[in-house]
Amino acid sequence: MALNQNENVSITLKIEGEKAKNELALLEKQSRDLEKAIKEVPKGSAEWAELNKEVSKNRESQAKLREQIGITGLTYRQLQTEI
C-alpha cells in the first residue's frame, strides 16, 4: 500500500495528570524562590543575570507544561495565574 502525501497522522499524548500537576507546582515554587533570590542580589551583577536566565527557563517550562496539561487539568490556584 502506497502512502498518499496528503494523508494526515494523528497522535494523542496522554500525560499522567497528578504527575504533571505536581511538576507544575514544583516549577511554581522554584519560580517564587528565584524571584526572592533576585531581590537579594545587586541588579546587573553576574549572579543577577544568571538568576534572570533561570527565571526565564522556569517560565518557559511552566508554559510548555500548562500547554500539555490543558486548562482542564489545572488546579484552581493555577487557573488564577492564567487570568
PDB file of N, CA and C in Angstrom:
ATOM      1  N   MET A   1       0.843  -1.175   0.000  1.00  0.00           N
ATOM      2  CA  MET A   1       0.000   0.000   0.000  1.00  0.00           C
ATOM      3  C   MET A   1       0.889   1.239   0.000  1.00  0.00           C
ATOM      4  N   ALA A   2       0.702   2.093  -0.973  1.00  0.00           N
ATOM      5  CA  ALA A   2       1.477   3.320  -1.082  1.00  0.00           C
ATOM      6  C   ALA A   2       0.816   4.409  -0.238  1.00  0.00           C
ATOM      7  N   LEU A   3       1.647   5.230   0.367  1.00  0.00           N
ATOM      8  CA  LEU A   3       1.126   6.319   1.178  1.00  0.00           C
ATOM      9  C   LEU A   3       0.891   7.551   0.319  1.00  0.00           C
ATOM     10  N   ASN A   4      -0.225   8.148   0.490  1.00  0.00           N
ATOM     11  CA  ASN A   4      -0.549   9.390  -0.183  1.00  0.00           C
ATOM     12  C   ASN A   4       0.082  10.523   0.616  1.00  0.00           C
ATOM     13  N   GLN A   5       0.711  11.468  -0.052  1.00  0.00           N
ATOM     14  CA  GLN A   5       1.380  12.557   0.655  1.00  0.00           C
ATOM     15  C   GLN A   5       0.409  13.472   1.375  1.00  0.00           C
ATOM     16  N   ASN A   6      -0.845  13.401   1.050  1.00  0.00           N
ATOM     17  CA  ASN A   6      -1.841  14.257   1.676  1.00  0.00           C
ATOM     18  C   ASN A   6      -2.485  13.624   2.908  1.00  0.00           C
ATOM     19  N   GLU A   7      -2.057  12.426   3.260  1.00  0.00           N
ATOM     20  CA  GLU A   7      -2.626  11.770   4.432  1.00  0.00           C
ATOM     21  C   GLU A   7      -2.119  12.432   5.707  1.00  0.00           C
ATOM     22  N   ASN A   8      -2.961  12.491   6.698  1.00  0.00           N
ATOM     23  CA  ASN A   8      -2.607  13.085   7.981  1.00  0.00           C
ATOM     24  C   ASN A   8      -2.438  11.999   9.026  1.00  0.00           C
ATOM     25  N   VAL A   9      -1.571  12.267   9.968  1.00  0.00           N
ATOM     26  CA  VAL A   9      -1.361  11.353  11.073  1.00  0.00           C
ATOM     27  C   VAL A   9      -1.773  12.074  12.347  1.00  0.00           C
ATOM     28  N   SER A  10      -2.509  11.389  13.179  1.00  0.00           N
ATOM     29  CA  SER A  10      -2.944  11.958  14.440  1.00  0.00           C
ATOM     30  C   SER A  10      -2.283  11.190  15.572  1.00  0.00           C
ATOM     31  N   ILE A  11      -1.680  11.938  16.493  1.00  0.00           N
ATOM     32  CA  ILE A  11      -1.023  11.327  17.645  1.00  0.00           C
ATOM     33  C   ILE A  11      -1.652  11.918  18.897  1.00  0.00           C
ATOM     34  N   THR A  12      -2.019  11.063  19.813  1.00  0.00           N
ATOM     35  CA  THR A  12      -2.563  11.507  21.085  1.00  0.00           C
ATOM     36  C   THR A  12      -1.529  11.238  22.166  1.00  0.00           C
ATOM     37  N   LEU A  13      -1.202  12.279  22.921  1.00  0.00           N
ATOM     38  CA  LEU A  13      -0.233  12.171  24.001  1.00  0.00           C
ATOM     39  C   LEU A  13      -0.975  12.302  25.316  1.00  0.00           C
ATOM     40  N   LYS A  14      -0.887  11.281  26.150  1.00  0.00           N
ATOM     41  CA  LYS A  14      -1.529  11.320  27.451  1.00  0.00           C
ATOM     42  C   LYS A  14      -0.472  11.600  28.505  1.00  0.00           C
ATOM     43  N   ILE A  15      -0.779  12.513  29.381  1.00  0.00           N
ATOM     44  CA  ILE A  15       0.122  12.864  30.474  1.00  0.00           C
ATOM     45  C   ILE A  15      -0.561  12.459  31.776  1.00  0.00           C
ATOM     46  N   GLU A  16       0.189  11.832  32.632  1.00  0.00           N
ATOM     47  CA  GLU A  16      -0.361  11.478  33.934  1.00  0.00           C
ATOM     48  C   GLU A  16      -0.690  12.772  34.664  1.00  0.00           C
ATOM     49  N   GLY A  17      -1.970  12.975  34.932  1.00  0.00           N
ATOM     50  CA  GLY A  17      -2.447  14.230  35.497  1.00  0.00           C
ATOM     51  C   GLY A  17      -1.769  14.639  36.790  1.00  0.00           C
ATOM     52  N   GLU A  18      -1.723  13.759  37.743  1.00  0.00           N
ATOM     53  CA  GLU A  18      -1.149  14.113  39.044  1.00  0.00           C
ATOM     54  C   GLU A  18       0.340  14.411  38.925  1.00  0.00           C
ATOM     55  N   LYS A  19       1.038  13.617  38.151  1.00  0.00           N
ATOM     56  CA  LYS A  19       2.472  13.836  37.977  1.00  0.00           C
ATOM     57  C   LYS A  19       2.721  15.209  37.349  1.00  0.00           C
ATOM     58  N   ALA A  20       1.948  15.557  36.347  1.00  0.00           N
ATOM     59  CA  ALA A  20       2.106  16.842  35.672  1.00  0.00           C
ATOM     60  C   ALA A  20       1.750  17.994  36.612  1.00  0.00           C
ATOM     61  N   LYS A  21       0.677  17.835  37.383  1.00  0.00           N
ATOM     62  CA  LYS A  21       0.284  18.878  38.331  1.00  0.00           C
ATOM     63  C   LYS A  21       1.363  19.088  39.389  1.00  0.00           C
ATOM     64  N   ASN A  22       1.926  17.983  39.877  1.00  0.00           N
ATOM     65  CA  ASN A  22       2.984  18.084  40.879  1.00  0.00           C
ATOM     66  C   ASN A  22       4.221  18.767  40.305  1.00  0.00           C
ATOM     67  N   GLU A  23       4.552  18.434  39.071  1.00  0.00           N
ATOM     68  CA  GLU A  23       5.711  19.061  38.431  1.00  0.00           C
ATOM     69  C   GLU A  23       5.470  20.559  38.248  1.00  0.00           C
ATOM     70  N   LEU A  24       4.258  20.934  37.868  1.00  0.00           N
ATOM     71  CA  LEU A  24       3.922  22.341  37.707  1.00  0.00           C
ATOM     72  C   LEU A  24       4.006  23.071  39.044  1.00  0.00           C
ATOM     73  N   ALA A  25       3.514  22.447  40.093  1.00  0.00           N
ATOM     74  CA  ALA A  25       3.591  23.056  41.428  1.00  0.00           C
ATOM     75  C   ALA A  25       5.047  23.249  41.845  1.00  0.00           C
ATOM     76  N   LEU A  26       5.903  22.275  41.531  1.00  0.00           N
ATOM     77  CA  LEU A  26       7.323  22.393  41.845  1.00  0.00           C
ATOM     78  C   LEU A  26       7.954  23.543  41.064  1.00  0.00           C
ATOM     79  N   LEU A  27       7.623  23.662  39.791  1.00  0.00           N
ATOM     80  CA  LEU A  27       8.153  24.760  38.976  1.00  0.00           C
ATOM     81  C   LEU A  27       7.692  26.120  39.511  1.00  0.00           C
ATOM     82  N   GLU A  28       6.439  26.191  39.963  1.00  0.00           N
ATOM     83  CA  GLU A  28       5.928  27.438  40.530  1.00  0.00           C
ATOM     84  C   GLU A  28       6.667  27.811  41.807  1.00  0.00           C
ATOM     85  N   LYS A  29       6.955  26.819  42.646  1.00  0.00           N
ATOM     86  CA  LYS A  29       7.705  27.084  43.879  1.00  0.00           C
ATOM     87  C   LYS A  29       9.123  27.546  43.555  1.00  0.00           C
ATOM     88  N   GLN A  30       9.749  26.888  42.592  1.00  0.00           N
ATOM     89  CA  GLN A  30      11.092  27.293  42.179  1.00  0.00           C
ATOM     90  C   GLN A  30      11.087  28.715  41.652  1.00  0.00           C
ATOM     91  N   SER A  31      10.047  29.067  40.935  1.00  0.00           N
ATOM     92  CA  SER A  31       9.930  30.417  40.396  1.00  0.00           C
ATOM     93  C   SER A  31       9.850  31.448  41.523  1.00  0.00           C
ATOM     94  N   ARG A  32       9.037  31.150  42.529  1.00  0.00           N
ATOM     95  CA  ARG A  32       8.931  32.067  43.676  1.00  0.00           C
ATOM     96  C   ARG A  32      10.273  32.198  44.388  1.00  0.00           C
ATOM     97  N   ASP A  33      10.972  31.077  44.564  1.00  0.00           N
ATOM     98  CA  ASP A  33      12.280  31.105  45.227  1.00  0.00           C
ATOM     99  C   ASP A  33      13.291  31.922  44.418  1.00  0.00           C
ATOM    100  N   LEU A  34      13.259  31.765  43.101  1.00  0.00           N
ATOM    101  CA  LEU A  34      14.167  32.522  42.244  1.00  0.00           C
ATOM    102  C   LEU A  34      13.865  34.019  42.304  1.00  0.00           C
ATOM    103  N   GLU A  35      12.580  34.368  42.317  1.00  0.00           N
ATOM    104  CA  GLU A  35      12.192  35.781  42.405  1.00  0.00           C
ATOM    105  C   GLU A  35      12.694  36.402  43.709  1.00  0.00           C
ATOM    106  N   LYS A  36      12.613  35.649  44.805  1.00  0.00           N
ATOM    107  CA  LYS A  36      13.122  36.134  46.088  1.00  0.00           C
ATOM    108  C   LYS A  36      14.633  36.316  46.023  1.00  0.00           C
ATOM    109  N   ALA A  37      15.323  35.353  45.409  1.00  0.00           N
ATOM    110  CA  ALA A  37      16.781  35.413  45.318  1.00  0.00           C
ATOM    111  C   ALA A  37      17.231  36.599  44.478  1.00  0.00           C
ATOM    112  N   ILE A  38      16.497  36.912  43.422  1.00  0.00           N
ATOM    113  CA  ILE A  38      16.852  38.045  42.557  1.00  0.00           C
ATOM    114  C   ILE A  38      16.811  39.352  43.340  1.00  0.00           C
ATOM    115  N   LYS A  39      15.844  39.460  44.232  1.00  0.00           N
ATOM    116  CA  LYS A  39      15.706  40.689  45.018  1.00  0.00           C
ATOM    117  C   LYS A  39      16.867  40.886  45.981  1.00  0.00           C
ATOM    118  N   GLU A  40      17.588  39.820  46.295  1.00  0.00           N
ATOM    119  CA  GLU A  40      18.660  39.890  47.284  1.00  0.00           C
ATOM    120  C   GLU A  40      20.040  40.157  46.689  1.00  0.00           C
ATOM    121  N   VAL A  41      20.154  40.154  45.363  1.00  0.00           N
ATOM    122  CA  VAL A  41      21.459  40.397  44.729  1.00  0.00           C
ATOM    123  C   VAL A  41      21.426  41.720  43.981  1.00  0.00           C
ATOM    124  N   PRO A  42      22.594  42.353  43.823  1.00  0.00           N
ATOM    125  CA  PRO A  42      22.644  43.637  43.120  1.00  0.00           C
ATOM    126  C   PRO A  42      22.203  43.495  41.666  1.00  0.00           C
ATOM    127  N   LYS A  43      21.319  44.398  41.252  1.00  0.00           N
ATOM    128  CA  LYS A  43      20.806  44.377  39.880  1.00  0.00           C
ATOM    129  C   LYS A  43      21.958  44.633  38.910  1.00  0.00           C
ATOM    130  N   GLY A  44      22.014  43.818  37.860  1.00  0.00           N
ATOM    131  CA  GLY A  44      23.055  43.968  36.852  1.00  0.00           C
ATOM    132  C   GLY A  44      24.305  43.137  37.112  1.00  0.00           C
ATOM    133  N   SER A  45      24.382  42.499  38.278  1.00  0.00           N
ATOM    134  CA  SER A  45      25.553  41.673  38.585  1.00  0.00           C
ATOM    135  C   SER A  45      25.473  40.355  37.802  1.00  0.00           C
ATOM    136  N   ALA A  46      26.569  39.632  37.772  1.00  0.00           N
ATOM    137  CA  ALA A  46      26.613  38.347  37.069  1.00  0.00           C
ATOM    138  C   ALA A  46      25.627  37.361  37.702  1.00  0.00           C
ATOM    139  N   GLU A  47      25.539  37.380  39.028  1.00  0.00           N
ATOM    140  CA  GLU A  47      24.607  36.480  39.720  1.00  0.00           C
ATOM    141  C   GLU A  47      23.162  36.835  39.372  1.00  0.00           C
ATOM    142  N   TRP A  48      22.884  38.144  39.301  1.00  0.00           N
ATOM    143  CA  TRP A  48      21.548  38.607  38.927  1.00  0.00           C
ATOM    144  C   TRP A  48      21.188  38.135  37.523  1.00  0.00           C
ATOM    145  N   ALA A  49      22.136  38.252  36.592  1.00  0.00           N
ATOM    146  CA  ALA A  49      21.906  37.826  35.213  1.00  0.00           C
ATOM    147  C   ALA A  49      21.638  36.323  35.141  1.00  0.00           C
ATOM    148  N   GLU A  50      22.411  35.553  35.902  1.00  0.00           N
ATOM    149  CA  GLU A  50      22.226  34.097  35.916  1.00  0.00           C
ATOM    150  C   GLU A  50      20.858  33.726  36.490  1.00  0.00           C
ATOM    151  N   LEU A  51      20.465  34.383  37.567  1.00  0.00           N
ATOM    152  CA  LEU A  51      19.151  34.125  38.161  1.00  0.00           C
ATOM    153  C   LEU A  51      18.034  34.502  37.187  1.00  0.00           C
ATOM    154  N   ASN A  52      18.236  35.590  36.466  1.00  0.00           N
ATOM    155  CA  ASN A  52      17.242  36.008  35.475  1.00  0.00           C
ATOM    156  C   ASN A  52      17.078  34.966  34.377  1.00  0.00           C
ATOM    157  N   LYS A  53      18.186  34.360  33.951  1.00  0.00           N
ATOM    158  CA  LYS A  53      18.128  33.290  32.948  1.00  0.00           C
ATOM    159  C   LYS A  53      17.349  32.102  33.484  1.00  0.00           C
ATOM    160  N   GLU A  54      17.590  31.764  34.741  1.00  0.00           N
ATOM    161  CA  GLU A  54      16.886  30.648  35.366  1.00  0.00           C
ATOM    162  C   GLU A  54      15.382  30.919  35.449  1.00  0.00           C
ATOM    163  N   VAL A  55      15.030  32.164  35.769  1.00  0.00           N
ATOM    164  CA  VAL A  55      13.607  32.532  35.831  1.00  0.00           C
ATOM    165  C   VAL A  55      12.977  32.355  34.454  1.00  0.00           C
ATOM    166  N   SER A  56      13.671  32.798  33.422  1.00  0.00           N
ATOM    167  CA  SER A  56      13.150  32.669  32.053  1.00  0.00           C
ATOM    168  C   SER A  56      12.960  31.208  31.662  1.00  0.00           C
ATOM    169  N   LYS A  57      13.947  30.377  31.981  1.00  0.00           N
ATOM    170  CA  LYS A  57      13.846  28.943  31.681  1.00  0.00           C
ATOM    171  C   LYS A  57      12.669  28.325  32.430  1.00  0.00           C
ATOM    172  N   ASN A  58      12.524  28.720  33.685  1.00  0.00           N
ATOM    173  CA  ASN A  58      11.446  28.200  34.515  1.00  0.00           C
ATOM    174  C   ASN A  58      10.093  28.573  33.929  1.00  0.00           C
ATOM    175  N   ARG A  59       9.943  29.822  33.525  1.00  0.00           N
ATOM    176  CA  ARG A  59       8.669  30.286  32.958  1.00  0.00           C
ATOM    177  C   ARG A  59       8.355  29.549  31.657  1.00  0.00           C
ATOM    178  N   GLU A  60       9.377  29.312  30.838  1.00  0.00           N
ATOM    179  CA  GLU A  60       9.177  28.563  29.593  1.00  0.00           C
ATOM    180  C   GLU A  60       8.709  27.139  29.898  1.00  0.00           C
ATOM    181  N   SER A  61       9.341  26.524  30.888  1.00  0.00           N
ATOM    182  CA  SER A  61       8.960  25.166  31.278  1.00  0.00           C
ATOM    183  C   SER A  61       7.515  25.126  31.772  1.00  0.00           C
ATOM    184  N   GLN A  62       7.140  26.135  32.564  1.00  0.00           N
ATOM    185  CA  GLN A  62       5.767  26.203  33.059  1.00  0.00           C
ATOM    186  C   GLN A  62       4.784  26.356  31.902  1.00  0.00           C
ATOM    187  N   ALA A  63       5.104  27.223  30.959  1.00  0.00           N
ATOM    188  CA  ALA A  63       4.207  27.464  29.819  1.00  0.00           C
ATOM    189  C   ALA A  63       4.030  26.194  28.989  1.00  0.00           C
ATOM    190  N   LYS A  64       5.125  25.483  28.736  1.00  0.00           N
ATOM    191  CA  LYS A  64       5.048  24.244  27.958  1.00  0.00           C
ATOM    192  C   LYS A  64       4.205  23.201  28.686  1.00  0.00           C
ATOM    193  N   LEU A  65       4.429  23.076  29.993  1.00  0.00           N
ATOM    194  CA  LEU A  65       3.693  22.086  30.769  1.00  0.00           C
ATOM    195  C   LEU A  65       2.212  22.441  30.835  1.00  0.00           C
ATOM    196  N   ARG A  66       1.902  23.737  31.023  1.00  0.00           N
ATOM    197  CA  ARG A  66       0.497  24.164  31.055  1.00  0.00           C
ATOM    198  C   ARG A  66      -0.182  23.856  29.719  1.00  0.00           C
ATOM    199  N   GLU A  67       0.548  24.056  28.641  1.00  0.00           N
ATOM    200  CA  GLU A  67       0.002  23.767  27.314  1.00  0.00           C
ATOM    201  C   GLU A  67      -0.291  22.274  27.172  1.00  0.00           C
ATOM    202  N   GLN A  68       0.611  21.443  27.679  1.00  0.00           N
ATOM    203  CA  GLN A  68       0.432  19.998  27.595  1.00  0.00           C
ATOM    204  C   GLN A  68      -0.717  19.527  28.481  1.00  0.00           C
ATOM    205  N   ILE A  69      -0.817  20.092  29.667  1.00  0.00           N
ATOM    206  CA  ILE A  69      -1.861  19.691  30.612  1.00  0.00           C
ATOM    207  C   ILE A  69      -3.221  20.132  30.095  1.00  0.00           C
ATOM    208  N   GLY A  70      -3.279  21.332  29.586  1.00  0.00           N
ATOM    209  CA  GLY A  70      -4.564  21.895  29.159  1.00  0.00           C
ATOM    210  C   GLY A  70      -5.243  22.549  30.342  1.00  0.00           C
ATOM    211  N   ILE A  71      -6.150  23.415  30.055  1.00  0.00           N
ATOM    212  CA  ILE A  71      -6.808  24.196  31.102  1.00  0.00           C
ATOM    213  C   ILE A  71      -7.634  23.324  32.042  1.00  0.00           C
ATOM    214  N   THR A  72      -8.156  22.214  31.554  1.00  0.00           N
ATOM    215  CA  THR A  72      -8.992  21.367  32.397  1.00  0.00           C
ATOM    216  C   THR A  72      -8.188  20.594  33.432  1.00  0.00           C
ATOM    217  N   GLY A  73      -6.876  20.496  33.238  1.00  0.00           N
ATOM    218  CA  GLY A  73      -6.061  19.749  34.177  1.00  0.00           C
ATOM    219  C   GLY A  73      -5.433  20.590  35.262  1.00  0.00           C
ATOM    220  N   LEU A  74      -5.677  21.897  35.244  1.00  0.00           N
ATOM    221  CA  LEU A  74      -5.059  22.782  36.221  1.00  0.00           C
ATOM    222  C   LEU A  74      -5.884  22.882  37.495  1.00  0.00           C
ATOM    223  N   THR A  75      -5.209  23.154  38.597  1.00  0.00           N
ATOM    224  CA  THR A  75      -5.901  23.381  39.860  1.00  0.00           C
ATOM    225  C   THR A  75      -6.499  24.787  39.843  1.00  0.00           C
ATOM    226  N   TYR A  76      -7.350  25.089  40.811  1.00  0.00           N
ATOM    227  CA  TYR A  76      -7.971  26.408  40.891  1.00  0.00           C
ATOM    228  C   TYR A  76      -6.909  27.502  41.003  1.00  0.00           C
ATOM    229  N   ARG A  77      -5.909  27.289  41.845  1.00  0.00           N
ATOM    230  CA  ARG A  77      -4.840  28.278  42.035  1.00  0.00           C
ATOM    231  C   ARG A  77      -4.062  28.491  40.741  1.00  0.00           C
ATOM    232  N   GLN A  78      -3.792  27.400  40.032  1.00  0.00           N
ATOM    233  CA  GLN A  78      -3.064  27.507  38.774  1.00  0.00           C
ATOM    234  C   GLN A  78      -3.913  28.197  37.717  1.00  0.00           C
ATOM    235  N   LEU A  79      -5.217  27.985  37.751  1.00  0.00           N
ATOM    236  CA  LEU A  79      -6.103  28.673  36.816  1.00  0.00           C
ATOM    237  C   LEU A  79      -6.096  30.174  37.068  1.00  0.00           C
ATOM    238  N   GLN A  80      -5.987  30.589  38.317  1.00  0.00           N
ATOM    239  CA  GLN A  80      -5.954  32.012  38.642  1.00  0.00           C
ATOM    240  C   GLN A  80      -4.739  32.687  38.011  1.00  0.00           C
ATOM    241  N   THR A  81      -3.619  31.975  37.896  1.00  0.00           N
ATOM    242  CA  THR A  81      -2.431  32.576  37.287  1.00  0.00           C
ATOM    243  C   THR A  81      -2.585  32.688  35.780  1.00  0.00           C
ATOM    244  N   GLU A  82      -3.516  31.962  35.195  1.00  0.00           N
ATOM    245  CA  GLU A  82      -3.754  32.013  33.761  1.00  0.00           C
ATOM    246  C   GLU A  82      -4.527  33.268  33.363  1.00  0.00           C
ATOM    247  N   ILE A  83      -5.227  33.854  34.323  1.00  0.00           N
ATOM    248  CA  ILE A  83      -6.072  35.018  34.014  1.00  0.00           C
ATOM    249  C   ILE A  83      -5.238  36.242  33.803  1.00  0.00           C
TER     250      ILE A  83
END
